[in-house]
């Protein structure tokens, strides 16, 4: 009998959260996002979050049982919107708002950019608000059936693709040397070998993908982003016309 009681107490102890002052899931996720903002994804770990909170790693595991799960929740927190604007009669304007709100979230937390696409694909707790909003806008535009699926996938891919490039990480070690090398190579490009690139270097330098030494956190590509949205919406409009009999 005594043995049975002891086992029961042991089981209860294992399933009861640790008595850590002020510790809860929300605090852990917010701390994880803060650490990613400060140090990037390379050094992100449950142990690091626990150390920042002044608790043992086991205390964090009570609430979030894996690094991947915690990363997913931190990214979800970064995208957690204030109250989303109500749909209007203009589906194109509403799609544009989604693009801007998405980019602004990444702009506030640029270090999450490399992981966003992966988390959208593998997050078992994905929030359906964004999905519903995009489907709503596209449905109001007139997409249905297979064209709706194609349009939805195109919007998601477009959302992720531009910002993943714009806010891609740059080397953290010896940033000055990295930037100097990129600048020197670009500004001394051989016009005989690369005539079009050479002629457009003043416009492209640090304002075009692959040809940058800063990412969107310090050198945002605002004009290109607007151009990009116009292309996406124009493509959706053309696809919609094509899908109609």
C-alpha atoms as a PDB file:
ATOM      1  CA  UNK A   1       0.000   0.000   0.000  1.00  0.00           C
ATOM      2  CA  UNK A   2       2.796   2.397   0.980  1.00  0.00           C
ATOM      3  CA  UNK A   3       4.612   1.575  -2.244  1.00  0.00           C
ATOM      4  CA  UNK A   4       1.493   2.349  -4.295  1.00  0.00           C
ATOM      5  CA  UNK A   5       1.085   5.732  -2.548  1.00  0.00           C
ATOM      6  CA  UNK A   6       4.742   6.564  -3.126  1.00  0.00           C
ATOM      7  CA  UNK A   7       4.416   5.767  -6.837  1.00  0.00           C
ATOM      8  CA  UNK A   8       1.287   7.864  -7.056  1.00  0.00           C
ATOM      9  CA  UNK A   9       3.054  10.825  -5.439  1.00  0.00           C
ATOM     10  CA  UNK A  10       6.046  10.382  -7.759  1.00  0.00           C
ATOM     11  CA  UNK A  11       3.774  10.399 -10.819  1.00  0.00           C
ATOM     12  CA  UNK A  12       1.979  13.511  -9.603  1.00  0.00           C
ATOM     13  CA  UNK A  13       5.286  15.263  -9.036  1.00  0.00           C
ATOM     14  CA  UNK A  14       6.429  14.514 -12.595  1.00  0.00           C
ATOM     15  CA  UNK A  15       3.274  15.876 -14.179  1.00  0.00           C
ATOM     16  CA  UNK A  16       3.016  19.014 -12.043  1.00  0.00           C
ATOM     17  CA  UNK A  17       4.705  22.166 -13.446  1.00  0.00           C
ATOM     18  CA  UNK A  18       7.701  23.414 -11.462  1.00  0.00           C
ATOM     19  CA  UNK A  19       7.117  26.183  -8.956  1.00  0.00           C
ATOM     20  CA  UNK A  20       9.045  28.890 -10.802  1.00  0.00           C
ATOM     21  CA  UNK A  21       8.036  32.423  -9.894  1.00  0.00           C
ATOM     22  CA  UNK A  22       6.439  34.273 -12.811  1.00  0.00           C
ATOM     23  CA  UNK A  23       7.210  31.523 -15.330  1.00  0.00           C
ATOM     24  CA  UNK A  24       4.546  30.705 -17.898  1.00  0.00           C
ATOM     25  CA  UNK A  25       4.277  29.815 -21.582  1.00  0.00           C
ATOM     26  CA  UNK A  26       3.763  33.419 -22.697  1.00  0.00           C
ATOM     27  CA  UNK A  27       6.888  34.602 -20.865  1.00  0.00           C
ATOM     28  CA  UNK A  28       8.967  31.787 -22.329  1.00  0.00           C
ATOM     29  CA  UNK A  29       7.826  32.457 -25.913  1.00  0.00           C
ATOM     30  CA  UNK A  30       8.340  36.227 -25.562  1.00  0.00           C
ATOM     31  CA  UNK A  31      11.860  35.634 -24.193  1.00  0.00           C
ATOM     32  CA  UNK A  32      12.638  33.287 -27.085  1.00  0.00           C
ATOM     33  CA  UNK A  33      11.646  35.957 -29.596  1.00  0.00           C
ATOM     34  CA  UNK A  34      13.724  38.571 -27.780  1.00  0.00           C
ATOM     35  CA  UNK A  35      16.793  36.331 -27.911  1.00  0.00           C
ATOM     36  CA  UNK A  36      16.293  35.660 -31.620  1.00  0.00           C
ATOM     37  CA  UNK A  37      16.014  39.417 -32.180  1.00  0.00           C
ATOM     38  CA  UNK A  38      19.269  39.974 -30.312  1.00  0.00           C
ATOM     39  CA  UNK A  39      21.406  37.037 -31.421  1.00  0.00           C
ATOM     40  CA  UNK A  40      19.776  35.430 -34.460  1.00  0.00           C
ATOM     41  CA  UNK A  41      18.790  31.828 -35.025  1.00  0.00           C
ATOM     42  CA  UNK A  42      22.269  30.333 -35.027  1.00  0.00           C
ATOM     43  CA  UNK A  43      22.653  30.268 -31.246  1.00  0.00           C
ATOM     44  CA  UNK A  44      18.968  29.864 -30.363  1.00  0.00           C
ATOM     45  CA  UNK A  45      18.300  27.037 -27.886  1.00  0.00           C
ATOM     46  CA  UNK A  46      16.050  26.028 -25.016  1.00  0.00           C
ATOM     47  CA  UNK A  47      19.032  26.206 -22.708  1.00  0.00           C
ATOM     48  CA  UNK A  48      19.685  29.770 -23.768  1.00  0.00           C
ATOM     49  CA  UNK A  49      16.073  30.719 -23.078  1.00  0.00           C
ATOM     50  CA  UNK A  50      16.234  29.036 -19.668  1.00  0.00           C
ATOM     51  CA  UNK A  51      19.471  30.832 -18.821  1.00  0.00           C
ATOM     52  CA  UNK A  52      17.961  34.187 -19.787  1.00  0.00           C
ATOM     53  CA  UNK A  53      14.966  33.483 -17.551  1.00  0.00           C
ATOM     54  CA  UNK A  54      17.182  32.341 -14.676  1.00  0.00           C
ATOM     55  CA  UNK A  55      15.647  28.852 -14.516  1.00  0.00           C
ATOM     56  CA  UNK A  56      16.742  25.300 -15.236  1.00  0.00           C
ATOM     57  CA  UNK A  57      16.072  23.973 -18.770  1.00  0.00           C
ATOM     58  CA  UNK A  58      13.655  21.416 -17.303  1.00  0.00           C
ATOM     59  CA  UNK A  59      11.411  24.301 -16.224  1.00  0.00           C
ATOM     60  CA  UNK A  60      11.125  25.439 -19.846  1.00  0.00           C
ATOM     61  CA  UNK A  61      10.453  21.865 -21.005  1.00  0.00           C
ATOM     62  CA  UNK A  62       7.346  21.740 -18.818  1.00  0.00           C
ATOM     63  CA  UNK A  63       5.766  24.338 -21.096  1.00  0.00           C
ATOM     64  CA  UNK A  64       7.427  23.803 -24.492  1.00  0.00           C
ATOM     65  CA  UNK A  65       8.941  20.389 -25.081  1.00  0.00           C
ATOM     66  CA  UNK A  66      11.256  21.062 -28.041  1.00  0.00           C
ATOM     67  CA  UNK A  67      13.363  23.746 -29.654  1.00  0.00           C
ATOM     68  CA  UNK A  68      11.356  23.438 -32.882  1.00  0.00           C
ATOM     69  CA  UNK A  69       8.076  23.956 -31.029  1.00  0.00           C
ATOM     70  CA  UNK A  70       9.413  27.011 -29.219  1.00  0.00           C
ATOM     71  CA  UNK A  71      10.774  28.485 -32.451  1.00  0.00           C
ATOM     72  CA  UNK A  72       7.392  28.000 -34.124  1.00  0.00           C
ATOM     73  CA  UNK A  73       5.620  29.762 -31.268  1.00  0.00           C
ATOM     74  CA  UNK A  74       8.140  32.612 -31.264  1.00  0.00           C
ATOM     75  CA  UNK A  75       7.582  33.160 -34.991  1.00  0.00           C
ATOM     76  CA  UNK A  76       3.812  33.004 -34.481  1.00  0.00           C
ATOM     77  CA  UNK A  77       4.186  35.693 -31.818  1.00  0.00           C
ATOM     78  CA  UNK A  78       6.144  37.888 -34.239  1.00  0.00           C
ATOM     79  CA  UNK A  79       3.272  37.678 -36.720  1.00  0.00           C
ATOM     80  CA  UNK A  80       0.507  37.977 -34.170  1.00  0.00           C
ATOM     81  CA  UNK A  81      -1.415  40.917 -35.558  1.00  0.00           C
ATOM     82  CA  UNK A  82      -3.013  43.724 -33.761  1.00  0.00           C
ATOM     83  CA  UNK A  83      -6.641  43.814 -34.899  1.00  0.00           C
ATOM     84  CA  UNK A  84      -6.583  43.055 -38.656  1.00  0.00           C
ATOM     85  CA  UNK A  85      -8.400  45.571 -40.842  1.00  0.00           C
ATOM     86  CA  UNK A  86     -11.830  44.573 -42.067  1.00  0.00           C
ATOM     87  CA  UNK A  87     -12.135  43.484 -45.701  1.00  0.00           C
ATOM     88  CA  UNK A  88     -13.130  46.215 -48.135  1.00  0.00           C
ATOM     89  CA  UNK A  89     -14.862  46.088 -51.497  1.00  0.00           C
ATOM     90  CA  UNK A  90     -11.435  46.125 -53.201  1.00  0.00           C
ATOM     91  CA  UNK A  91      -9.803  42.697 -52.986  1.00  0.00           C
ATOM     92  CA  UNK A  92      -6.615  44.039 -54.580  1.00  0.00           C
ATOM     93  CA  UNK A  93      -6.192  46.644 -51.843  1.00  0.00           C
ATOM     94  CA  UNK A  94      -6.835  43.980 -49.210  1.00  0.00           C
ATOM     95  CA  UNK A  95      -4.204  41.637 -50.679  1.00  0.00           C
ATOM     96  CA  UNK A  96      -1.782  44.582 -50.713  1.00  0.00           C
ATOM     97  CA  UNK A  97      -2.467  45.169 -47.002  1.00  0.00           C
ATOM     98  CA  UNK A  98      -1.612  41.536 -46.255  1.00  0.00           C
ATOM     99  CA  UNK A  99       1.737  41.947 -48.013  1.00  0.00           C
ATOM    100  CA  UNK A 100       2.519  45.125 -46.095  1.00  0.00           C
ATOM    101  CA  UNK A 101       1.517  43.719 -42.701  1.00  0.00           C
ATOM    102  CA  UNK A 102       3.569  40.566 -43.338  1.00  0.00           C
ATOM    103  CA  UNK A 103       6.645  42.566 -44.300  1.00  0.00           C
ATOM    104  CA  UNK A 104       6.270  44.891 -41.335  1.00  0.00           C
ATOM    105  CA  UNK A 105       6.263  41.895 -38.979  1.00  0.00           C
ATOM    106  CA  UNK A 106       9.531  40.663 -40.510  1.00  0.00           C
ATOM    107  CA  UNK A 107      10.926  44.178 -40.391  1.00  0.00           C
ATOM    108  CA  UNK A 108      10.318  44.269 -36.636  1.00  0.00           C
ATOM    109  CA  UNK A 109      11.953  40.852 -36.223  1.00  0.00           C
ATOM    110  CA  UNK A 110      14.320  40.401 -39.204  1.00  0.00           C
ATOM    111  CA  UNK A 111      16.231  37.509 -37.661  1.00  0.00           C
ATOM    112  CA  UNK A 112      13.242  35.189 -38.055  1.00  0.00           C
ATOM    113  CA  UNK A 113      13.258  35.597 -41.861  1.00  0.00           C
ATOM    114  CA  UNK A 114      15.393  32.493 -42.647  1.00  0.00           C
ATOM    115  CA  UNK A 115      13.015  30.229 -40.710  1.00  0.00           C
ATOM    116  CA  UNK A 116       9.631  31.561 -41.800  1.00  0.00           C
ATOM    117  CA  UNK A 117       9.182  29.324 -44.841  1.00  0.00           C
ATOM    118  CA  UNK A 118      10.157  26.206 -42.916  1.00  0.00           C
ATOM    119  CA  UNK A 119       7.822  27.014 -40.056  1.00  0.00           C
ATOM    120  CA  UNK A 120       4.875  27.574 -42.387  1.00  0.00           C
ATOM    121  CA  UNK A 121       5.495  24.130 -43.847  1.00  0.00           C
ATOM    122  CA  UNK A 122       6.085  22.167 -40.635  1.00  0.00           C
ATOM    123  CA  UNK A 123       4.260  23.993 -37.846  1.00  0.00           C
ATOM    124  CA  UNK A 124       1.569  21.687 -36.451  1.00  0.00           C
ATOM    125  CA  UNK A 125      -0.021  24.621 -34.602  1.00  0.00           C
ATOM    126  CA  UNK A 126      -0.317  26.864 -37.631  1.00  0.00           C
ATOM    127  CA  UNK A 127      -2.788  29.682 -37.101  1.00  0.00           C
ATOM    128  CA  UNK A 128      -5.578  29.709 -39.673  1.00  0.00           C
ATOM    129  CA  UNK A 129      -6.351  33.442 -39.499  1.00  0.00           C
ATOM    130  CA  UNK A 130      -3.935  34.307 -42.312  1.00  0.00           C
ATOM    131  CA  UNK A 131      -5.137  31.372 -44.411  1.00  0.00           C
ATOM    132  CA  UNK A 132      -8.781  32.396 -44.012  1.00  0.00           C
ATOM    133  CA  UNK A 133      -8.033  36.038 -44.770  1.00  0.00           C
ATOM    134  CA  UNK A 134      -6.212  35.255 -48.020  1.00  0.00           C
ATOM    135  CA  UNK A 135      -8.873  32.763 -49.123  1.00  0.00           C
ATOM    136  CA  UNK A 136     -11.558  35.317 -48.313  1.00  0.00           C
ATOM    137  CA  UNK A 137      -9.906  37.996 -50.434  1.00  0.00           C
ATOM    138  CA  UNK A 138      -9.329  35.631 -53.340  1.00  0.00           C
ATOM    139  CA  UNK A 139     -12.846  34.210 -53.154  1.00  0.00           C
ATOM    140  CA  UNK A 140     -14.301  37.723 -53.254  1.00  0.00           C
ATOM    141  CA  UNK A 141     -12.153  38.392 -56.301  1.00  0.00           C
ATOM    142  CA  UNK A 142     -13.846  35.449 -58.033  1.00  0.00           C
ATOM    143  CA  UNK A 143     -11.368  32.600 -57.653  1.00  0.00           C
ATOM    144  CA  UNK A 144     -12.887  29.182 -57.005  1.00  0.00           C
ATOM    145  CA  UNK A 145     -11.991  25.546 -57.457  1.00  0.00           C
ATOM    146  CA  UNK A 146      -8.462  24.749 -58.642  1.00  0.00           C
ATOM    147  CA  UNK A 147      -7.700  28.376 -59.588  1.00  0.00           C
ATOM    148  CA  UNK A 148      -8.373  29.315 -55.951  1.00  0.00           C
ATOM    149  CA  UNK A 149      -5.759  26.791 -54.824  1.00  0.00           C
ATOM    150  CA  UNK A 150      -3.262  28.101 -57.355  1.00  0.00           C
ATOM    151  CA  UNK A 151      -3.916  31.725 -56.418  1.00  0.00           C
ATOM    152  CA  UNK A 152      -3.618  30.976 -52.700  1.00  0.00           C
ATOM    153  CA  UNK A 153      -0.328  29.113 -53.120  1.00  0.00           C
ATOM    154  CA  UNK A 154       1.002  31.949 -55.272  1.00  0.00           C
ATOM    155  CA  UNK A 155       0.209  34.545 -52.599  1.00  0.00           C
ATOM    156  CA  UNK A 156       1.837  32.494 -49.830  1.00  0.00           C
ATOM    157  CA  UNK A 157       4.946  31.841 -51.934  1.00  0.00           C
ATOM    158  CA  UNK A 158       5.145  35.530 -52.807  1.00  0.00           C
ATOM    159  CA  UNK A 159       4.760  36.625 -49.189  1.00  0.00           C
ATOM    160  CA  UNK A 160       7.604  34.396 -48.069  1.00  0.00           C
ATOM    161  CA  UNK A 161       9.898  34.765 -51.056  1.00  0.00           C
ATOM    162  CA  UNK A 162      10.525  38.504 -51.149  1.00  0.00           C
ATOM    163  CA  UNK A 163      11.006  39.068 -47.426  1.00  0.00           C
ATOM    164  CA  UNK A 164      13.194  35.966 -47.067  1.00  0.00           C
ATOM    165  CA  UNK A 165      15.535  37.552 -49.603  1.00  0.00           C
ATOM    166  CA  UNK A 166      15.210  41.105 -48.343  1.00  0.00           C
ATOM    167  CA  UNK A 167      15.920  40.224 -44.719  1.00  0.00           C
ATOM    168  CA  UNK A 168      18.324  37.356 -45.321  1.00  0.00           C
ATOM    169  CA  UNK A 169      21.059  37.215 -42.706  1.00  0.00           C
ATOM    170  CA  UNK A 170      24.446  38.744 -43.374  1.00  0.00           C
ATOM    171  CA  UNK A 171      27.625  37.457 -41.692  1.00  0.00           C
ATOM    172  CA  UNK A 172      27.797  38.443 -38.028  1.00  0.00           C
ATOM    173  CA  UNK A 173      31.565  38.107 -37.741  1.00  0.00           C
ATOM    174  CA  UNK A 174      33.711  40.902 -39.168  1.00  0.00           C
ATOM    175  CA  UNK A 175      30.815  42.650 -40.888  1.00  0.00           C
ATOM    176  CA  UNK A 176      33.010  45.531 -42.054  1.00  0.00           C
ATOM    177  CA  UNK A 177      35.301  43.213 -44.018  1.00  0.00           C
ATOM    178  CA  UNK A 178      32.353  41.412 -45.599  1.00  0.00           C
ATOM    179  CA  UNK A 179      30.787  44.699 -46.688  1.00  0.00           C
ATOM    180  CA  UNK A 180      34.086  46.032 -48.034  1.00  0.00           C
ATOM    181  CA  UNK A 181      34.624  42.932 -50.177  1.00  0.00           C
ATOM    182  CA  UNK A 182      31.119  43.099 -51.667  1.00  0.00           C
ATOM    183  CA  UNK A 183      31.409  46.821 -52.397  1.00  0.00           C
ATOM    184  CA  UNK A 184      34.843  46.496 -53.974  1.00  0.00           C
ATOM    185  CA  UNK A 185      33.826  43.606 -56.257  1.00  0.00           C
ATOM    186  CA  UNK A 186      30.694  45.392 -57.406  1.00  0.00           C
ATOM    187  CA  UNK A 187      32.191  48.840 -57.911  1.00  0.00           C
ATOM    188  CA  UNK A 188      35.109  47.439 -59.915  1.00  0.00           C
ATOM    189  CA  UNK A 189      33.126  45.026 -62.082  1.00  0.00           C
ATOM    190  CA  UNK A 190      34.602  44.669 -65.570  1.00  0.00           C
ATOM    191  CA  UNK A 191      32.387  46.529 -68.095  1.00  0.00           C
ATOM    192  CA  UNK A 192      33.798  44.422 -70.927  1.00  0.00           C
ATOM    193  CA  UNK A 193      32.554  41.216 -69.329  1.00  0.00           C
ATOM    194  CA  UNK A 194      29.391  42.503 -67.638  1.00  0.00           C
ATOM    195  CA  UNK A 195      28.368  45.608 -69.612  1.00  0.00           C
ATOM    196  CA  UNK A 196      24.734  45.851 -68.431  1.00  0.00           C
ATOM    197  CA  UNK A 197      25.617  45.237 -64.791  1.00  0.00           C
ATOM    198  CA  UNK A 198      28.429  47.777 -64.957  1.00  0.00           C
ATOM    199  CA  UNK A 199      26.199  50.443 -66.525  1.00  0.00           C
ATOM    200  CA  UNK A 200      23.574  50.003 -63.804  1.00  0.00           C
ATOM    201  CA  UNK A 201      25.798  49.646 -60.742  1.00  0.00           C
ATOM    202  CA  UNK A 202      24.821  53.075 -59.306  1.00  0.00           C
ATOM    203  CA  UNK A 203      21.170  52.002 -59.200  1.00  0.00           C
ATOM    204  CA  UNK A 204      21.711  48.371 -58.227  1.00  0.00           C
ATOM    205  CA  UNK A 205      24.414  48.697 -55.563  1.00  0.00           C
ATOM    206  CA  UNK A 206      22.934  47.759 -52.177  1.00  0.00           C
ATOM    207  CA  UNK A 207      19.429  48.051 -53.692  1.00  0.00           C
ATOM    208  CA  UNK A 208      19.182  44.709 -55.489  1.00  0.00           C
ATOM    209  CA  UNK A 209      19.250  41.073 -54.423  1.00  0.00           C
ATOM    210  CA  UNK A 210      22.704  39.452 -54.557  1.00  0.00           C
ATOM    211  CA  UNK A 211      24.285  42.899 -55.004  1.00  0.00           C
ATOM    212  CA  UNK A 212      23.857  44.077 -51.403  1.00  0.00           C
ATOM    213  CA  UNK A 213      26.055  44.367 -48.344  1.00  0.00           C
ATOM    214  CA  UNK A 214      23.151  45.204 -46.014  1.00  0.00           C
ATOM    215  CA  UNK A 215      19.790  43.516 -45.609  1.00  0.00           C
ATOM    216  CA  UNK A 216      16.339  45.060 -45.338  1.00  0.00           C
ATOM    217  CA  UNK A 217      16.754  45.933 -41.684  1.00  0.00           C
ATOM    218  CA  UNK A 218      19.250  48.666 -42.661  1.00  0.00           C
ATOM    219  CA  UNK A 219      18.566  49.125 -46.378  1.00  0.00           C
ATOM    220  CA  UNK A 220      14.891  48.343 -47.068  1.00  0.00           C
ATOM    221  CA  UNK A 221      13.823  47.732 -50.648  1.00  0.00           C
ATOM    222  CA  UNK A 222      10.610  49.746 -50.460  1.00  0.00           C
ATOM    223  CA  UNK A 223      10.262  50.677 -54.134  1.00  0.00           C
ATOM    224  CA  UNK A 224      11.055  47.168 -55.306  1.00  0.00           C
ATOM    225  CA  UNK A 225       8.553  45.748 -52.839  1.00  0.00           C
ATOM    226  CA  UNK A 226       5.772  47.940 -54.243  1.00  0.00           C
ATOM    227  CA  UNK A 227       6.789  46.935 -57.771  1.00  0.00           C
ATOM    228  CA  UNK A 228       6.680  43.300 -56.695  1.00  0.00           C
ATOM    229  CA  UNK A 229       3.198  43.572 -55.194  1.00  0.00           C
ATOM    230  CA  UNK A 230       1.961  45.212 -58.391  1.00  0.00           C
ATOM    231  CA  UNK A 231       3.328  42.260 -60.365  1.00  0.00           C
ATOM    232  CA  UNK A 232       1.679  39.709 -58.063  1.00  0.00           C
ATOM    233  CA  UNK A 233      -1.694  41.447 -58.109  1.00  0.00           C
ATOM    234  CA  UNK A 234      -1.433  41.994 -61.857  1.00  0.00           C
ATOM    235  CA  UNK A 235      -0.698  38.300 -62.303  1.00  0.00           C
ATOM    236  CA  UNK A 236      -3.664  37.329 -60.140  1.00  0.00           C
ATOM    237  CA  UNK A 237      -5.915  39.651 -62.129  1.00  0.00           C
ATOM    238  CA  UNK A 238      -4.749  38.125 -65.410  1.00  0.00           C
ATOM    239  CA  UNK A 239      -5.161  34.582 -64.057  1.00  0.00           C
ATOM    240  CA  UNK A 240      -8.660  35.403 -62.861  1.00  0.00           C
ATOM    241  CA  UNK A 241      -9.676  36.662 -66.307  1.00  0.00           C
ATOM    242  CA  UNK A 242      -8.194  33.538 -67.887  1.00  0.00           C
ATOM    243  CA  UNK A 243     -10.070  31.209 -65.502  1.00  0.00           C
ATOM    244  CA  UNK A 244     -13.437  32.639 -66.426  1.00  0.00           C
ATOM    245  CA  UNK A 245     -15.316  31.178 -69.378  1.00  0.00           C
END
